[in-house]
Protein backbone atom coordinates (compact mmCIF):
# COMPACT_ATOMS: atom_id res chain seq x y z
CA SER A 1 228.22 155.26 128.12
CA TRP A 2 229.55 158.69 127.30
CA VAL A 3 228.85 158.24 123.59
CA LEU A 4 225.22 157.36 124.32
CA LEU A 5 224.81 160.24 126.77
CA GLY A 6 226.45 162.64 124.32
CA LEU A 7 224.23 161.44 121.51
CA ALA A 8 221.17 161.98 123.70
CA ALA A 9 222.31 165.56 124.40
CA ILE A 10 222.79 166.20 120.68
CA LEU A 11 219.33 164.80 119.98
CA VAL A 12 217.78 167.09 122.60
CA VAL A 13 219.33 170.10 120.90
CA ALA A 14 218.16 168.80 117.52
CA GLY A 15 214.60 168.53 118.82
CA ALA A 16 214.26 164.75 118.61
CA ASP A 17 211.31 162.91 120.11
CA ARG A 18 211.64 162.71 123.89
CA GLY A 19 211.05 158.94 123.86
CA VAL A 20 214.03 158.40 121.57
CA VAL A 21 216.17 160.72 123.67
CA ALA A 22 215.09 158.99 126.89
CA VAL A 23 215.87 155.50 125.57
CA ILE A 24 219.32 156.52 124.38
CA ALA A 25 220.15 158.47 127.56
CA LEU A 26 218.90 155.69 129.84
CA SER A 27 220.85 153.12 127.83
CA GLY A 28 223.92 155.21 128.53
CA MET A 29 222.99 155.25 132.20
CA ILE A 30 222.77 151.44 132.26
CA VAL A 31 226.28 151.17 130.87
CA LEU A 32 227.53 153.87 133.26
CA VAL A 33 226.10 152.02 136.28
CA GLY A 34 227.92 148.89 135.10
CA HIS A 35 231.18 150.83 134.98
CA VAL A 36 230.64 152.45 138.38
CA LEU A 37 229.89 149.11 140.04
CA ARG A 38 232.62 147.11 138.30
CA SER A 39 234.94 147.12 141.32
CA ARG A 40 232.24 145.35 143.36
CA LEU A 41 230.08 143.52 140.83
CA LYS A 42 230.14 142.40 137.24
CA THR A 43 226.66 143.83 136.58
CA SER A 44 224.87 141.83 133.89
CA LEU A 45 224.19 144.32 131.12
CA HIS A 46 222.35 141.59 129.21
CA VAL A 47 219.82 141.33 132.04
CA ALA A 48 219.72 145.10 132.51
CA PHE A 49 218.80 145.74 128.88
CA ALA A 50 216.29 142.88 128.85
CA MET A 51 214.53 144.36 131.91
CA PHE A 52 214.72 147.82 130.39
CA ALA A 53 213.02 146.55 127.23
CA ALA A 54 210.27 144.90 129.29
CA CYS A 55 209.61 148.11 131.20
CA ILE A 56 209.54 150.24 128.06
CA VAL A 57 206.50 148.42 126.69
CA TRP A 58 204.45 148.83 129.89
CA PRO A 59 201.37 148.97 130.11
CA GLN A 60 201.00 146.61 127.16
CA ALA A 61 200.43 143.51 129.30
CA MET A 62 201.16 140.82 126.69
CA ALA A 63 204.33 142.52 125.45
CA PHE A 64 205.46 143.17 129.02
CA ALA A 65 204.85 139.54 130.03
CA GLY A 66 206.70 138.22 126.98
CA LEU A 67 209.69 140.48 127.48
CA LEU A 68 209.76 139.80 131.21
CA ALA A 69 209.83 136.07 130.45
CA ALA A 70 212.67 136.71 128.00
CA ALA A 71 214.54 138.68 130.69
CA LEU A 72 214.20 135.72 133.05
CA VAL A 73 215.61 133.39 130.39
CA VAL A 74 218.50 135.80 129.82
CA ALA A 75 219.17 135.92 133.57
CA TRP A 76 219.05 132.13 133.80
CA SER A 77 221.46 131.82 130.85
CA ARG A 78 223.98 134.20 132.42
CA LEU A 79 224.01 132.02 135.55
CA ILE A 80 224.09 128.66 133.72
CA LEU A 81 226.90 129.81 131.44
CA HIS A 82 228.83 131.00 134.52
CA ARG A 83 229.21 134.50 133.10
CA HIS A 84 227.75 136.03 136.26
CA ARG A 85 226.82 135.24 139.84
CA MET A 86 223.40 135.91 141.35
CA PRO A 87 224.34 139.38 142.74
CA ASP A 88 225.52 140.41 139.26
CA VAL A 89 222.25 139.29 137.68
CA LEU A 90 220.17 140.99 140.38
CA ALA A 91 222.13 144.22 139.98
CA GLY A 92 221.43 144.12 136.25
CA ALA A 93 217.73 143.47 136.82
CA VAL A 94 217.42 146.33 139.29
CA THR A 95 219.35 148.71 137.04
CA GLY A 96 217.22 147.86 134.01
CA ALA A 97 213.98 148.10 135.95
CA ALA A 98 214.99 151.46 137.47
CA CYS A 99 215.77 152.85 134.02
CA GLY A 100 212.47 151.44 132.74
CA VAL A 101 210.59 153.23 135.52
CA ALA A 102 212.50 156.42 134.70
CA PHE A 103 211.47 156.02 131.05
CA GLN A 104 207.82 155.67 132.05
CA LEU A 105 208.06 158.79 134.22
CA VAL A 106 209.58 160.78 131.37
CA MET A 107 206.92 159.61 128.93
CA ASN A 108 204.06 160.38 131.34
CA MET A 109 205.15 163.93 132.15
């Protein structure tokens, strides 16, 4: 997480596109949330990043729907493979969606 957040800071100083900076910084935040919650949950980063990807493409309805469907398949697979429990998957979904909303706010400023 710190590498991604540090890279985002370097890119800000270098004058990189704010969308690129936001995606990298928010990716770092997803990983950081997973670390912070690890004593209580095993947050599904797979689901978090799948939800994040779906939210990034909003308002492109077809792309959003396709990626949301993919996120649901990823969530299902994490449960079926017994890598996570439902609270872990939900925590990942909420984290990814929250970062996706943050991305949209940054891009619409």
